[in-house]
Amino acid sequence: MSILWTIIIGFIAGVIAKLIMPGDNEPSGFILTTILGIVGAFVATWLGQALGWYRPGEGAGLIGAVVGAIIVLFVYGMVAGRRRRTI
């Protein structure tokens, strides 16, 4: 149930992160926003467990998942921006 909960929270976090950080280099569309949020939720869960904020088996909450999704969105924008400039 923990992974399913992370996916559900990640979806919501992806939508919120997209509203917080709109831009040209960010992915658009329902599927990419969902993937962004899910990856952000897993990043937040991993970082939180590595830093001791969450116990093993405990996932990130909505705020942590949104922060993780914003981090993933920022990194994606940096990579996509570099790729676009070099061509």
PDB file of N, CA and C in Angstrom:
ATOM      1  N   MET A   1       0.821  -1.199   0.000  1.00  0.00           N
ATOM      2  CA  MET A   1       0.000   0.000   0.000  1.00  0.00           C
ATOM      3  C   MET A   1       0.859   1.255   0.000  1.00  0.00           C
ATOM      4  N   SER A   2       2.083   1.175   0.497  1.00  0.00           N
ATOM      5  CA  SER A   2       2.953   2.339   0.575  1.00  0.00           C
ATOM      6  C   SER A   2       3.297   2.882  -0.811  1.00  0.00           C
ATOM      7  N   ILE A   3       3.592   2.015  -1.768  1.00  0.00           N
ATOM      8  CA  ILE A   3       3.939   2.464  -3.118  1.00  0.00           C
ATOM      9  C   ILE A   3       2.714   3.061  -3.799  1.00  0.00           C
ATOM     10  N   LEU A   4       1.562   2.459  -3.621  1.00  0.00           N
ATOM     11  CA  LEU A   4       0.332   2.995  -4.196  1.00  0.00           C
ATOM     12  C   LEU A   4       0.029   4.381  -3.636  1.00  0.00           C
ATOM     13  N   TRP A   5       0.210   4.552  -2.340  1.00  0.00           N
ATOM     14  CA  TRP A   5      -0.017   5.850  -1.711  1.00  0.00           C
ATOM     15  C   TRP A   5       0.962   6.893  -2.258  1.00  0.00           C
ATOM     16  N   THR A   6       2.218   6.509  -2.460  1.00  0.00           N
ATOM     17  CA  THR A   6       3.218   7.414  -3.018  1.00  0.00           C
ATOM     18  C   THR A   6       2.837   7.832  -4.432  1.00  0.00           C
ATOM     19  N   ILE A   7       2.306   6.926  -5.217  1.00  0.00           N
ATOM     20  CA  ILE A   7       1.881   7.240  -6.584  1.00  0.00           C
ATOM     21  C   ILE A   7       0.701   8.208  -6.574  1.00  0.00           C
ATOM     22  N   ILE A   8      -0.266   7.982  -5.698  1.00  0.00           N
ATOM     23  CA  ILE A   8      -1.431   8.878  -5.621  1.00  0.00           C
ATOM     24  C   ILE A   8      -1.008  10.270  -5.165  1.00  0.00           C
ATOM     25  N   ILE A   9      -0.208  10.339  -4.113  1.00  0.00           N
ATOM     26  CA  ILE A   9       0.292  11.625  -3.632  1.00  0.00           C
ATOM     27  C   ILE A   9       1.163  12.280  -4.704  1.00  0.00           C
ATOM     28  N   GLY A  10       1.948  11.494  -5.408  1.00  0.00           N
ATOM     29  CA  GLY A  10       2.811  12.014  -6.467  1.00  0.00           C
ATOM     30  C   GLY A  10       2.029  12.639  -7.602  1.00  0.00           C
ATOM     31  N   PHE A  11       0.911  12.046  -7.956  1.00  0.00           N
ATOM     32  CA  PHE A  11       0.068  12.625  -9.000  1.00  0.00           C
ATOM     33  C   PHE A  11      -0.422  14.008  -8.586  1.00  0.00           C
ATOM     34  N   ILE A  12      -0.931  14.101  -7.382  1.00  0.00           N
ATOM     35  CA  ILE A  12      -1.433  15.390  -6.878  1.00  0.00           C
ATOM     36  C   ILE A  12      -0.280  16.393  -6.776  1.00  0.00           C
ATOM     37  N   ALA A  13       0.870  15.936  -6.321  1.00  0.00           N
ATOM     38  CA  ALA A  13       2.037  16.809  -6.189  1.00  0.00           C
ATOM     39  C   ALA A  13       2.508  17.308  -7.547  1.00  0.00           C
ATOM     40  N   GLY A  14       2.449  16.484  -8.575  1.00  0.00           N
ATOM     41  CA  GLY A  14       2.848  16.902  -9.916  1.00  0.00           C
ATOM     42  C   GLY A  14       1.973  18.018 -10.451  1.00  0.00           C
ATOM     43  N   VAL A  15       0.682  17.917 -10.210  1.00  0.00           N
ATOM     44  CA  VAL A  15      -0.242  18.964 -10.648  1.00  0.00           C
ATOM     45  C   VAL A  15       0.046  20.265  -9.897  1.00  0.00           C
ATOM     46  N   ILE A  16       0.253  20.174  -8.591  1.00  0.00           N
ATOM     47  CA  ILE A  16       0.540  21.366  -7.790  1.00  0.00           C
ATOM     48  C   ILE A  16       1.875  21.984  -8.198  1.00  0.00           C
ATOM     49  N   ALA A  17       2.900  21.156  -8.408  1.00  0.00           N
ATOM     50  CA  ALA A  17       4.215  21.671  -8.803  1.00  0.00           C
ATOM     51  C   ALA A  17       4.148  22.353 -10.161  1.00  0.00           C
ATOM     52  N   LYS A  18       3.360  21.812 -11.065  1.00  0.00           N
ATOM     53  CA  LYS A  18       3.201  22.424 -12.384  1.00  0.00           C
ATOM     54  C   LYS A  18       2.517  23.782 -12.274  1.00  0.00           C
ATOM     55  N   LEU A  19       1.580  23.923 -11.341  1.00  0.00           N
ATOM     56  CA  LEU A  19       0.928  25.214 -11.121  1.00  0.00           C
ATOM     57  C   LEU A  19       1.879  26.217 -10.475  1.00  0.00           C
ATOM     58  N   ILE A  20       2.771  25.736  -9.613  1.00  0.00           N
ATOM     59  CA  ILE A  20       3.726  26.619  -8.929  1.00  0.00           C
ATOM     60  C   ILE A  20       4.826  27.072  -9.884  1.00  0.00           C
ATOM     61  N   MET A  21       5.326  26.162 -10.714  1.00  0.00           N
ATOM     62  CA  MET A  21       6.455  26.458 -11.606  1.00  0.00           C
ATOM     63  C   MET A  21       6.091  26.264 -13.070  1.00  0.00           C
ATOM     64  N   PRO A  22       5.240  27.099 -13.637  1.00  0.00           N
ATOM     65  CA  PRO A  22       4.969  26.947 -15.071  1.00  0.00           C
ATOM     66  C   PRO A  22       6.148  27.484 -15.875  1.00  0.00           C
ATOM     67  N   GLY A  23       6.299  27.031 -17.096  1.00  0.00           N
ATOM     68  CA  GLY A  23       7.394  27.514 -17.926  1.00  0.00           C
ATOM     69  C   GLY A  23       7.439  26.809 -19.256  1.00  0.00           C
ATOM     70  N   ASP A  24       8.307  27.311 -20.133  1.00  0.00           N
ATOM     71  CA  ASP A  24       8.414  26.763 -21.485  1.00  0.00           C
ATOM     72  C   ASP A  24       9.199  25.462 -21.536  1.00  0.00           C
ATOM     73  N   ASN A  25      10.223  25.315 -20.675  1.00  0.00           N
ATOM     74  CA  ASN A  25      11.083  24.134 -20.729  1.00  0.00           C
ATOM     75  C   ASN A  25      10.517  22.947 -19.968  1.00  0.00           C
ATOM     76  N   GLU A  26       9.470  23.142 -19.223  1.00  0.00           N
ATOM     77  CA  GLU A  26       8.917  22.065 -18.416  1.00  0.00           C
ATOM     78  C   GLU A  26       8.016  21.174 -19.263  1.00  0.00           C
ATOM     79  N   PRO A  27       7.872  19.928 -18.861  1.00  0.00           N
ATOM     80  CA  PRO A  27       7.007  19.025 -19.616  1.00  0.00           C
ATOM     81  C   PRO A  27       5.551  19.440 -19.493  1.00  0.00           C
ATOM     82  N   SER A  28       4.808  19.187 -20.534  1.00  0.00           N
ATOM     83  CA  SER A  28       3.392  19.511 -20.485  1.00  0.00           C
ATOM     84  C   SER A  28       2.599  18.246 -20.784  1.00  0.00           C
ATOM     85  N   GLY A  29       1.354  18.283 -20.433  1.00  0.00           N
ATOM     86  CA  GLY A  29       0.501  17.137 -20.667  1.00  0.00           C
ATOM     87  C   GLY A  29       0.251  16.356 -19.397  1.00  0.00           C
ATOM     88  N   PHE A  30      -0.827  15.626 -19.433  1.00  0.00           N
ATOM     89  CA  PHE A  30      -1.297  14.878 -18.274  1.00  0.00           C
ATOM     90  C   PHE A  30      -0.315  13.783 -17.867  1.00  0.00           C
ATOM     91  N   ILE A  31       0.167  13.021 -18.832  1.00  0.00           N
ATOM     92  CA  ILE A  31       1.048  11.886 -18.542  1.00  0.00           C
ATOM     93  C   ILE A  31       2.379  12.368 -17.968  1.00  0.00           C
ATOM     94  N   LEU A  32       3.003  13.361 -18.591  1.00  0.00           N
ATOM     95  CA  LEU A  32       4.289  13.842 -18.104  1.00  0.00           C
ATOM     96  C   LEU A  32       4.175  14.518 -16.746  1.00  0.00           C
ATOM     97  N   THR A  33       3.077  15.235 -16.519  1.00  0.00           N
ATOM     98  CA  THR A  33       2.860  15.848 -15.209  1.00  0.00           C
ATOM     99  C   THR A  33       2.703  14.777 -14.140  1.00  0.00           C
ATOM    100  N   THR A  34       1.988  13.716 -14.462  1.00  0.00           N
ATOM    101  CA  THR A  34       1.816  12.610 -13.530  1.00  0.00           C
ATOM    102  C   THR A  34       3.157  11.951 -13.225  1.00  0.00           C
ATOM    103  N   ILE A  35       3.944  11.686 -14.257  1.00  0.00           N
ATOM    104  CA  ILE A  35       5.256  11.065 -14.055  1.00  0.00           C
ATOM    105  C   ILE A  35       6.161  11.976 -13.239  1.00  0.00           C
ATOM    106  N   LEU A  36       6.125  13.261 -13.527  1.00  0.00           N
ATOM    107  CA  LEU A  36       6.911  14.231 -12.770  1.00  0.00           C
ATOM    108  C   LEU A  36       6.569  14.173 -11.287  1.00  0.00           C
ATOM    109  N   GLY A  37       5.293  14.165 -10.969  1.00  0.00           N
ATOM    110  CA  GLY A  37       4.870  14.117  -9.569  1.00  0.00           C
ATOM    111  C   GLY A  37       5.239  12.820  -8.885  1.00  0.00           C
ATOM    112  N   ILE A  38       5.104  11.712  -9.581  1.00  0.00           N
ATOM    113  CA  ILE A  38       5.444  10.416  -8.998  1.00  0.00           C
ATOM    114  C   ILE A  38       6.944  10.330  -8.741  1.00  0.00           C
ATOM    115  N   VAL A  39       7.747  10.781  -9.709  1.00  0.00           N
ATOM    116  CA  VAL A  39       9.203  10.782  -9.507  1.00  0.00           C
ATOM    117  C   VAL A  39       9.551  11.718  -8.347  1.00  0.00           C
ATOM    118  N   GLY A  40       8.889  12.877  -8.282  1.00  0.00           N
ATOM    119  CA  GLY A  40       9.122  13.811  -7.178  1.00  0.00           C
ATOM    120  C   GLY A  40       8.768  13.221  -5.830  1.00  0.00           C
ATOM    121  N   ALA A  41       7.691  12.471  -5.769  1.00  0.00           N
ATOM    122  CA  ALA A  41       7.300  11.829  -4.512  1.00  0.00           C
ATOM    123  C   ALA A  41       8.324  10.777  -4.099  1.00  0.00           C
ATOM    124  N   PHE A  42       8.826  10.007  -5.064  1.00  0.00           N
ATOM    125  CA  PHE A  42       9.843   9.016  -4.737  1.00  0.00           C
ATOM    126  C   PHE A  42      11.153   9.685  -4.330  1.00  0.00           C
ATOM    127  N   VAL A  43      11.502  10.798  -4.994  1.00  0.00           N
ATOM    128  CA  VAL A  43      12.713  11.537  -4.611  1.00  0.00           C
ATOM    129  C   VAL A  43      12.572  12.068  -3.187  1.00  0.00           C
ATOM    130  N   ALA A  44      11.413  12.647  -2.870  1.00  0.00           N
ATOM    131  CA  ALA A  44      11.183  13.180  -1.524  1.00  0.00           C
ATOM    132  C   ALA A  44      11.209  12.068  -0.481  1.00  0.00           C
ATOM    133  N   THR A  45      10.636  10.929  -0.805  1.00  0.00           N
ATOM    134  CA  THR A  45      10.648   9.795   0.116  1.00  0.00           C
ATOM    135  C   THR A  45      12.076   9.313   0.345  1.00  0.00           C
ATOM    136  N   TRP A  46      12.845   9.171  -0.733  1.00  0.00           N
ATOM    137  CA  TRP A  46      14.224   8.709  -0.614  1.00  0.00           C
ATOM    138  C   TRP A  46      15.069   9.703   0.179  1.00  0.00           C
ATOM    139  N   LEU A  47      14.961  10.990  -0.157  1.00  0.00           N
ATOM    140  CA  LEU A  47      15.729  11.997   0.582  1.00  0.00           C
ATOM    141  C   LEU A  47      15.326  12.055   2.051  1.00  0.00           C
ATOM    142  N   GLY A  48      14.028  11.985   2.306  1.00  0.00           N
ATOM    143  CA  GLY A  48      13.545  12.023   3.686  1.00  0.00           C
ATOM    144  C   GLY A  48      14.033  10.837   4.506  1.00  0.00           C
ATOM    145  N   GLN A  49      14.065   9.661   3.899  1.00  0.00           N
ATOM    146  CA  GLN A  49      14.572   8.486   4.605  1.00  0.00           C
ATOM    147  C   GLN A  49      16.081   8.571   4.781  1.00  0.00           C
ATOM    148  N   ALA A  50      16.787   9.121   3.789  1.00  0.00           N
ATOM    149  CA  ALA A  50      18.243   9.248   3.894  1.00  0.00           C
ATOM    150  C   ALA A  50      18.637  10.255   4.974  1.00  0.00           C
ATOM    151  N   LEU A  51      17.838  11.298   5.126  1.00  0.00           N
ATOM    152  CA  LEU A  51      18.130  12.319   6.132  1.00  0.00           C
ATOM    153  C   LEU A  51      17.535  12.002   7.503  1.00  0.00           C
ATOM    154  N   GLY A  52      16.760  10.925   7.582  1.00  0.00           N
ATOM    155  CA  GLY A  52      16.186  10.523   8.861  1.00  0.00           C
ATOM    156  C   GLY A  52      14.865  11.192   9.196  1.00  0.00           C
ATOM    157  N   TRP A  53      14.255  11.857   8.214  1.00  0.00           N
ATOM    158  CA  TRP A  53      12.970  12.504   8.462  1.00  0.00           C
ATOM    159  C   TRP A  53      11.824  11.495   8.454  1.00  0.00           C
ATOM    160  N   TYR A  54      11.972  10.441   7.645  1.00  0.00           N
ATOM    161  CA  TYR A  54      10.956   9.393   7.552  1.00  0.00           C
ATOM    162  C   TYR A  54      11.586   8.063   7.940  1.00  0.00           C
ATOM    163  N   ARG A  55      10.785   7.200   8.534  1.00  0.00           N
ATOM    164  CA  ARG A  55      11.252   5.848   8.853  1.00  0.00           C
ATOM    165  C   ARG A  55      11.195   4.982   7.599  1.00  0.00           C
ATOM    166  N   PRO A  56      11.928   3.875   7.572  1.00  0.00           N
ATOM    167  CA  PRO A  56      11.828   2.961   6.428  1.00  0.00           C
ATOM    168  C   PRO A  56      10.386   2.489   6.252  1.00  0.00           C
ATOM    169  N   GLY A  57       9.906   2.518   5.040  1.00  0.00           N
ATOM    170  CA  GLY A  57       8.536   2.128   4.749  1.00  0.00           C
ATOM    171  C   GLY A  57       7.554   3.274   4.850  1.00  0.00           C
ATOM    172  N   GLU A  58       7.995   4.420   5.322  1.00  0.00           N
ATOM    173  CA  GLU A  58       7.120   5.585   5.447  1.00  0.00           C
ATOM    174  C   GLU A  58       7.393   6.512   4.268  1.00  0.00           C
ATOM    175  N   GLY A  59       6.346   6.937   3.590  1.00  0.00           N
ATOM    176  CA  GLY A  59       6.501   7.792   2.423  1.00  0.00           C
ATOM    177  C   GLY A  59       6.391   9.261   2.768  1.00  0.00           C
ATOM    178  N   ALA A  60       6.775  10.071   1.801  1.00  0.00           N
ATOM    179  CA  ALA A  60       6.681  11.518   1.973  1.00  0.00           C
ATOM    180  C   ALA A  60       5.220  11.943   1.929  1.00  0.00           C
ATOM    181  N   GLY A  61       4.918  12.989   2.640  1.00  0.00           N
ATOM    182  CA  GLY A  61       3.579  13.552   2.604  1.00  0.00           C
ATOM    183  C   GLY A  61       3.407  14.442   1.385  1.00  0.00           C
ATOM    184  N   LEU A  62       2.296  15.115   1.317  1.00  0.00           N
ATOM    185  CA  LEU A  62       1.988  15.940   0.157  1.00  0.00           C
ATOM    186  C   LEU A  62       2.986  17.086   0.006  1.00  0.00           C
ATOM    187  N   ILE A  63       3.333  17.753   1.082  1.00  0.00           N
ATOM    188  CA  ILE A  63       4.257  18.878   0.995  1.00  0.00           C
ATOM    189  C   ILE A  63       5.642  18.402   0.552  1.00  0.00           C
ATOM    190  N   GLY A  64       6.114  17.312   1.112  1.00  0.00           N
ATOM    191  CA  GLY A  64       7.403  16.760   0.704  1.00  0.00           C
ATOM    192  C   GLY A  64       7.388  16.327  -0.751  1.00  0.00           C
ATOM    193  N   ALA A  65       6.289  15.744  -1.194  1.00  0.00           N
ATOM    194  CA  ALA A  65       6.183  15.308  -2.585  1.00  0.00           C
ATOM    195  C   ALA A  65       6.157  16.500  -3.531  1.00  0.00           C
ATOM    196  N   VAL A  66       5.497  17.580  -3.139  1.00  0.00           N
ATOM    197  CA  VAL A  66       5.479  18.785  -3.969  1.00  0.00           C
ATOM    198  C   VAL A  66       6.887  19.365  -4.076  1.00  0.00           C
ATOM    199  N   VAL A  67       7.600  19.419  -2.955  1.00  0.00           N
ATOM    200  CA  VAL A  67       8.984  19.910  -2.983  1.00  0.00           C
ATOM    201  C   VAL A  67       9.842  19.005  -3.874  1.00  0.00           C
ATOM    202  N   GLY A  68       9.686  17.704  -3.754  1.00  0.00           N
ATOM    203  CA  GLY A  68      10.418  16.776  -4.615  1.00  0.00           C
ATOM    204  C   GLY A  68      10.076  16.961  -6.081  1.00  0.00           C
ATOM    205  N   ALA A  69       8.800  17.184  -6.386  1.00  0.00           N
ATOM    206  CA  ALA A  69       8.383  17.405  -7.772  1.00  0.00           C
ATOM    207  C   ALA A  69       8.946  18.716  -8.310  1.00  0.00           C
ATOM    208  N   ILE A  70       9.016  19.749  -7.474  1.00  0.00           N
ATOM    209  CA  ILE A  70       9.596  21.020  -7.904  1.00  0.00           C
ATOM    210  C   ILE A  70      11.089  20.846  -8.191  1.00  0.00           C
ATOM    211  N   ILE A  71      11.775  20.056  -7.362  1.00  0.00           N
ATOM    212  CA  ILE A  71      13.195  19.781  -7.604  1.00  0.00           C
ATOM    213  C   ILE A  71      13.372  19.051  -8.932  1.00  0.00           C
ATOM    214  N   VAL A  72      12.555  18.038  -9.182  1.00  0.00           N
ATOM    215  CA  VAL A  72      12.638  17.287 -10.435  1.00  0.00           C
ATOM    216  C   VAL A  72      12.302  18.206 -11.612  1.00  0.00           C
ATOM    217  N   LEU A  73      11.309  19.065 -11.471  1.00  0.00           N
ATOM    218  CA  LEU A  73      10.921  19.993 -12.522  1.00  0.00           C
ATOM    219  C   LEU A  73      12.046  20.987 -12.816  1.00  0.00           C
ATOM    220  N   PHE A  74      12.719  21.457 -11.777  1.00  0.00           N
ATOM    221  CA  PHE A  74      13.844  22.378 -11.946  1.00  0.00           C
ATOM    222  C   PHE A  74      14.993  21.710 -12.691  1.00  0.00           C
ATOM    223  N   VAL A  75      15.329  20.495 -12.294  1.00  0.00           N
ATOM    224  CA  VAL A  75      16.412  19.755 -12.961  1.00  0.00           C
ATOM    225  C   VAL A  75      16.043  19.477 -14.414  1.00  0.00           C
ATOM    226  N   TYR A  76      14.807  19.099 -14.658  1.00  0.00           N
ATOM    227  CA  TYR A  76      14.351  18.852 -16.031  1.00  0.00           C
ATOM    228  C   TYR A  76      14.472  20.127 -16.866  1.00  0.00           C
ATOM    229  N   GLY A  77      14.088  21.265 -16.303  1.00  0.00           N
ATOM    230  CA  GLY A  77      14.204  22.534 -17.010  1.00  0.00           C
ATOM    231  C   GLY A  77      15.642  22.892 -17.331  1.00  0.00           C
ATOM    232  N   MET A  78      16.550  22.600 -16.399  1.00  0.00           N
ATOM    233  CA  MET A  78      17.966  22.869 -16.644  1.00  0.00           C
ATOM    234  C   MET A  78      18.507  21.983 -17.768  1.00  0.00           C
ATOM    235  N   VAL A  79      18.169  20.706 -17.752  1.00  0.00           N
ATOM    236  CA  VAL A  79      18.648  19.778 -18.774  1.00  0.00           C
ATOM    237  C   VAL A  79      18.024  20.110 -20.126  1.00  0.00           C
ATOM    238  N   ALA A  80      16.738  20.362 -20.164  1.00  0.00           N
ATOM    239  CA  ALA A  80      16.057  20.683 -21.417  1.00  0.00           C
ATOM    240  C   ALA A  80      16.536  22.022 -21.943  1.00  0.00           C
ATOM    241  N   GLY A  81      16.834  22.969 -21.070  1.00  0.00           N
ATOM    242  CA  GLY A  81      17.340  24.270 -21.496  1.00  0.00           C
ATOM    243  C   GLY A  81      18.713  24.172 -22.134  1.00  0.00           C
ATOM    244  N   ARG A  82      19.581  23.340 -21.550  1.00  0.00           N
ATOM    245  CA  ARG A  82      20.915  23.141 -22.115  1.00  0.00           C
ATOM    246  C   ARG A  82      20.838  22.469 -23.481  1.00  0.00           C
ATOM    247  N   ARG A  83      19.991  21.471 -23.555  1.00  0.00           N
ATOM    248  CA  ARG A  83      19.848  20.732 -24.805  1.00  0.00           C
ATOM    249  C   ARG A  83      19.319  21.649 -25.899  1.00  0.00           C
ATOM    250  N   ARG A  84      18.384  22.517 -25.560  1.00  0.00           N
ATOM    251  CA  ARG A  84      17.784  23.401 -26.538  1.00  0.00           C
ATOM    252  C   ARG A  84      18.786  24.450 -27.008  1.00  0.00           C
ATOM    253  N   ARG A  85      19.673  24.953 -26.128  1.00  0.00           N
ATOM    254  CA  ARG A  85      20.636  25.983 -26.479  1.00  0.00           C
ATOM    255  C   ARG A  85      21.764  25.461 -27.361  1.00  0.00           C
ATOM    256  N   THR A  86      22.141  24.209 -27.182  1.00  0.00           N
ATOM    257  CA  THR A  86      23.292  23.672 -27.911  1.00  0.00           C
ATOM    258  C   THR A  86      22.945  23.303 -29.347  1.00  0.00           C
ATOM    259  N   ILE A  87      21.703  23.157 -29.663  1.00  0.00           N
ATOM    260  CA  ILE A  87      21.320  22.741 -31.028  1.00  0.00           C
ATOM    261  C   ILE A  87      21.211  23.936 -31.920  1.00  0.00           C
TER     262      ILE A  87
END
